[in-house]
Structure formats: structure tokens, C-alpha cells
Amino acid sequence: MNGGCEIKSFKNKKEAEELLKASRKSIDEIDNQLLDLISQRTALAKDIASSKDYLEMPVFDEFREKAIHEKIKRLSEEKNLDVDIINQIVDMLTILNKNAQKGILRRNADGKY
């Protein structure tokens, strides 16, 4: 899937190599930003865990996860991204966050002490 972008044509090999190098550099920078964002997202687990603990809520919030997936589906379709793959990524991020919450609260998988 090319995200709706046109395939670039090149005048010569050097032009293609330069674009490849620049694109890879941009991907590396984006990867670094993604990891920073994932770290920030996961760090919020402490606040979420504290709030859930006070409110006596389980770690797993079915309503919240359903709302996230609905939002992700809409945004993925708007951006012409593979919805199934984006959902898998979001599932992994959710697991990462829930595991961090459970670690903070020392709860079992079902969200109970």
C-alpha cells in the first residue's frame, strides 16, 4: 500500500539513491519520535493506575478499549492505512500500558488484587 502517493520516477541512479538515503533518514527520525511517544504514553500508566485504584476500577476497561478501536478505525480509514494492522499496533500499545498499570498496582490479569 502506497498511501495514495504517486510512484516517483527518477532521472538517474544517483537521484534514486539520494531519495532512498533521505527517506531512510526520515524513517529513523520518525522511529525515534514514535519510541518517545510510546514511552510517554506508557509513563501515563502511573496516573491511570492511581486513578483506577482510587475509583476501584479494574485495569481492563472494555468501554474505553472499544472507543479507542472505533476512533482508530475511523482515523485509519481517513489516512488510507490498513485498519487491521493499525488495530494490532494499538492492541500492543494497550497491552504495554495495562502491563505497566498491573505492575504498579500489583494486580492479577483480571484487574483484581
C-alpha atoms as a PDB file:
ATOM      1  CA  MET A   1       0.000   0.000   0.000  1.00  0.00           C
ATOM      2  CA  ASN A   2       1.498   3.331  -1.004  1.00  0.00           C
ATOM      3  CA  GLY A   3      -0.925   5.514   0.980  1.00  0.00           C
ATOM      4  CA  GLY A   4      -2.291   7.138  -2.168  1.00  0.00           C
ATOM      5  CA  CYS A   5       1.108   8.579  -3.152  1.00  0.00           C
ATOM      6  CA  GLU A   6       2.339   8.582  -6.703  1.00  0.00           C
ATOM      7  CA  ILE A   7       5.344   6.436  -7.542  1.00  0.00           C
ATOM      8  CA  LYS A   8       8.336   8.699  -8.201  1.00  0.00           C
ATOM      9  CA  SER A   9      10.252   8.426 -11.432  1.00  0.00           C
ATOM     10  CA  PHE A  10      13.947   9.165 -11.474  1.00  0.00           C
ATOM     11  CA  LYS A  11      16.283  10.782 -13.966  1.00  0.00           C
ATOM     12  CA  ASN A  12      19.225   8.652 -12.866  1.00  0.00           C
ATOM     13  CA  LYS A  13      20.562   6.190 -10.295  1.00  0.00           C
ATOM     14  CA  LYS A  14      22.135   8.896  -8.114  1.00  0.00           C
ATOM     15  CA  GLU A  15      18.771  10.645  -7.710  1.00  0.00           C
ATOM     16  CA  ALA A  16      17.152   7.369  -6.603  1.00  0.00           C
ATOM     17  CA  GLU A  17      19.985   6.654  -4.153  1.00  0.00           C
ATOM     18  CA  GLU A  18      19.736  10.158  -2.648  1.00  0.00           C
ATOM     19  CA  LEU A  19      15.992   9.826  -2.182  1.00  0.00           C
ATOM     20  CA  LEU A  20      16.442   6.386  -0.616  1.00  0.00           C
ATOM     21  CA  LYS A  21      19.051   7.738   1.806  1.00  0.00           C
ATOM     22  CA  ALA A  22      16.935  10.778   2.746  1.00  0.00           C
ATOM     23  CA  SER A  23      13.791   8.670   3.157  1.00  0.00           C
ATOM     24  CA  ARG A  24      15.571   6.180   5.392  1.00  0.00           C
ATOM     25  CA  LYS A  25      16.959   9.027   7.493  1.00  0.00           C
ATOM     26  CA  SER A  26      13.428  10.409   7.878  1.00  0.00           C
ATOM     27  CA  ILE A  27      12.115   6.974   8.864  1.00  0.00           C
ATOM     28  CA  ASP A  28      14.849   6.669  11.504  1.00  0.00           C
ATOM     29  CA  GLU A  29      13.855  10.067  12.927  1.00  0.00           C
ATOM     30  CA  ILE A  30      10.174   9.107  12.928  1.00  0.00           C
ATOM     31  CA  ASP A  31      11.026   5.797  14.656  1.00  0.00           C
ATOM     32  CA  ASN A  32      12.819   7.754  17.388  1.00  0.00           C
ATOM     33  CA  GLN A  33       9.784  10.019  17.781  1.00  0.00           C
ATOM     34  CA  LEU A  34       7.460   7.008  17.902  1.00  0.00           C
ATOM     35  CA  LEU A  35       9.524   5.420  20.664  1.00  0.00           C
ATOM     36  CA  ASP A  36       9.497   8.701  22.593  1.00  0.00           C
ATOM     37  CA  LEU A  37       5.705   8.862  22.232  1.00  0.00           C
ATOM     38  CA  ILE A  38       5.300   5.220  23.291  1.00  0.00           C
ATOM     39  CA  SER A  39       7.451   5.937  26.330  1.00  0.00           C
ATOM     40  CA  GLN A  40       5.339   8.990  27.193  1.00  0.00           C
ATOM     41  CA  ARG A  41       2.130   7.001  26.668  1.00  0.00           C
ATOM     42  CA  THR A  42       3.339   4.188  28.908  1.00  0.00           C
ATOM     43  CA  ALA A  43       4.528   6.625  31.590  1.00  0.00           C
ATOM     44  CA  LEU A  44       0.916   7.771  31.930  1.00  0.00           C
ATOM     45  CA  ALA A  45       0.137   4.314  33.334  1.00  0.00           C
ATOM     46  CA  LYS A  46       1.130   5.572  36.799  1.00  0.00           C
ATOM     47  CA  ASP A  47      -1.535   8.295  36.719  1.00  0.00           C
ATOM     48  CA  ILE A  48      -4.108   5.948  35.215  1.00  0.00           C
ATOM     49  CA  ALA A  49      -3.332   3.212  37.748  1.00  0.00           C
ATOM     50  CA  SER A  50      -3.578   5.639  40.676  1.00  0.00           C
ATOM     51  CA  SER A  51      -6.912   6.955  39.420  1.00  0.00           C
ATOM     52  CA  LYS A  52      -8.308   3.473  38.780  1.00  0.00           C
ATOM     53  CA  ASP A  53      -7.144   2.351  42.200  1.00  0.00           C
ATOM     54  CA  TYR A  54      -8.877   5.269  43.913  1.00  0.00           C
ATOM     55  CA  LEU A  55     -12.026   4.782  41.828  1.00  0.00           C
ATOM     56  CA  GLU A  56     -11.870   0.995  42.451  1.00  0.00           C
ATOM     57  CA  MET A  57     -11.874   0.295  38.716  1.00  0.00           C
ATOM     58  CA  PRO A  58     -10.335  -2.764  37.074  1.00  0.00           C
ATOM     59  CA  VAL A  59      -7.283  -2.372  34.842  1.00  0.00           C
ATOM     60  CA  PHE A  60      -9.294  -3.621  31.853  1.00  0.00           C
ATOM     61  CA  ASP A  61     -11.905  -1.082  30.690  1.00  0.00           C
ATOM     62  CA  GLU A  62     -13.925  -2.657  27.881  1.00  0.00           C
ATOM     63  CA  PHE A  63     -15.825   0.559  27.073  1.00  0.00           C
ATOM     64  CA  ARG A  64     -12.602   2.583  26.778  1.00  0.00           C
ATOM     65  CA  GLU A  65     -10.918  -0.011  24.579  1.00  0.00           C
ATOM     66  CA  LYS A  66     -13.946  -0.232  22.301  1.00  0.00           C
ATOM     67  CA  ALA A  67     -13.987   3.575  21.956  1.00  0.00           C
ATOM     68  CA  ILE A  68     -10.267   3.593  21.129  1.00  0.00           C
ATOM     69  CA  HIS A  69     -10.708   0.965  18.418  1.00  0.00           C
ATOM     70  CA  GLU A  70     -13.635   2.841  16.886  1.00  0.00           C
ATOM     71  CA  LYS A  71     -11.530   6.011  16.777  1.00  0.00           C
ATOM     72  CA  ILE A  72      -8.556   4.120  15.334  1.00  0.00           C
ATOM     73  CA  LYS A  73     -10.743   2.549  12.643  1.00  0.00           C
ATOM     74  CA  ARG A  74     -12.063   5.947  11.584  1.00  0.00           C
ATOM     75  CA  LEU A  75      -8.634   7.599  11.575  1.00  0.00           C
ATOM     76  CA  SER A  76      -7.028   4.669   9.745  1.00  0.00           C
ATOM     77  CA  GLU A  77      -9.643   4.825   7.024  1.00  0.00           C
ATOM     78  CA  GLU A  78      -9.252   8.617   6.727  1.00  0.00           C
ATOM     79  CA  LYS A  79      -5.490   8.215   6.323  1.00  0.00           C
ATOM     80  CA  ASN A  80      -5.789   5.218   3.982  1.00  0.00           C
ATOM     81  CA  LEU A  81      -3.953   2.902   6.407  1.00  0.00           C
ATOM     82  CA  ASP A  82      -4.585  -0.810   6.874  1.00  0.00           C
ATOM     83  CA  VAL A  83      -7.149  -0.883   9.706  1.00  0.00           C
ATOM     84  CA  ASP A  84      -6.255  -4.419  10.810  1.00  0.00           C
ATOM     85  CA  ILE A  85      -2.551  -3.657  11.154  1.00  0.00           C
ATOM     86  CA  ILE A  86      -3.190  -0.366  12.968  1.00  0.00           C
ATOM     87  CA  ASN A  87      -5.543  -2.226  15.341  1.00  0.00           C
ATOM     88  CA  GLN A  88      -2.766  -4.727  16.066  1.00  0.00           C
ATOM     89  CA  ILE A  89      -0.382  -1.877  16.868  1.00  0.00           C
ATOM     90  CA  VAL A  90      -2.963  -0.282  19.175  1.00  0.00           C
ATOM     91  CA  ASP A  91      -3.568  -3.655  20.846  1.00  0.00           C
ATOM     92  CA  MET A  92       0.167  -3.939  21.542  1.00  0.00           C
ATOM     93  CA  LEU A  93       0.275  -0.415  22.963  1.00  0.00           C
ATOM     94  CA  THR A  94      -2.736  -1.205  25.131  1.00  0.00           C
ATOM     95  CA  ILE A  95      -1.085  -4.382  26.440  1.00  0.00           C
ATOM     96  CA  LEU A  96       2.075  -2.421  27.209  1.00  0.00           C
ATOM     97  CA  ASN A  97       0.060   0.143  29.158  1.00  0.00           C
ATOM     98  CA  LYS A  98      -2.058  -2.450  31.004  1.00  0.00           C
ATOM     99  CA  ASN A  99       1.055  -4.384  31.986  1.00  0.00           C
ATOM    100  CA  ALA A 100       2.576  -1.199  33.365  1.00  0.00           C
ATOM    101  CA  GLN A 101      -0.641  -0.486  35.298  1.00  0.00           C
ATOM    102  CA  LYS A 102      -0.739  -4.025  36.686  1.00  0.00           C
ATOM    103  CA  GLY A 103       2.887  -3.738  37.699  1.00  0.00           C
ATOM    104  CA  ILE A 104       2.165  -0.512  39.542  1.00  0.00           C
ATOM    105  CA  LEU A 105      -0.928  -1.909  41.237  1.00  0.00           C
ATOM    106  CA  ARG A 106       0.396  -5.475  41.527  1.00  0.00           C
ATOM    107  CA  ARG A 107      -2.897  -6.803  40.289  1.00  0.00           C
ATOM    108  CA  ASN A 108      -3.711 -10.049  38.551  1.00  0.00           C
ATOM    109  CA  ALA A 109      -4.629 -10.281  34.873  1.00  0.00           C
ATOM    110  CA  ASP A 110      -8.308  -9.776  35.684  1.00  0.00           C
ATOM    111  CA  GLY A 111      -7.504  -6.456  37.319  1.00  0.00           C
ATOM    112  CA  LYS A 112      -8.153  -7.676  40.875  1.00  0.00           C
ATOM    113  CA  TYR A 113      -5.689  -7.832  43.752  1.00  0.00           C
END
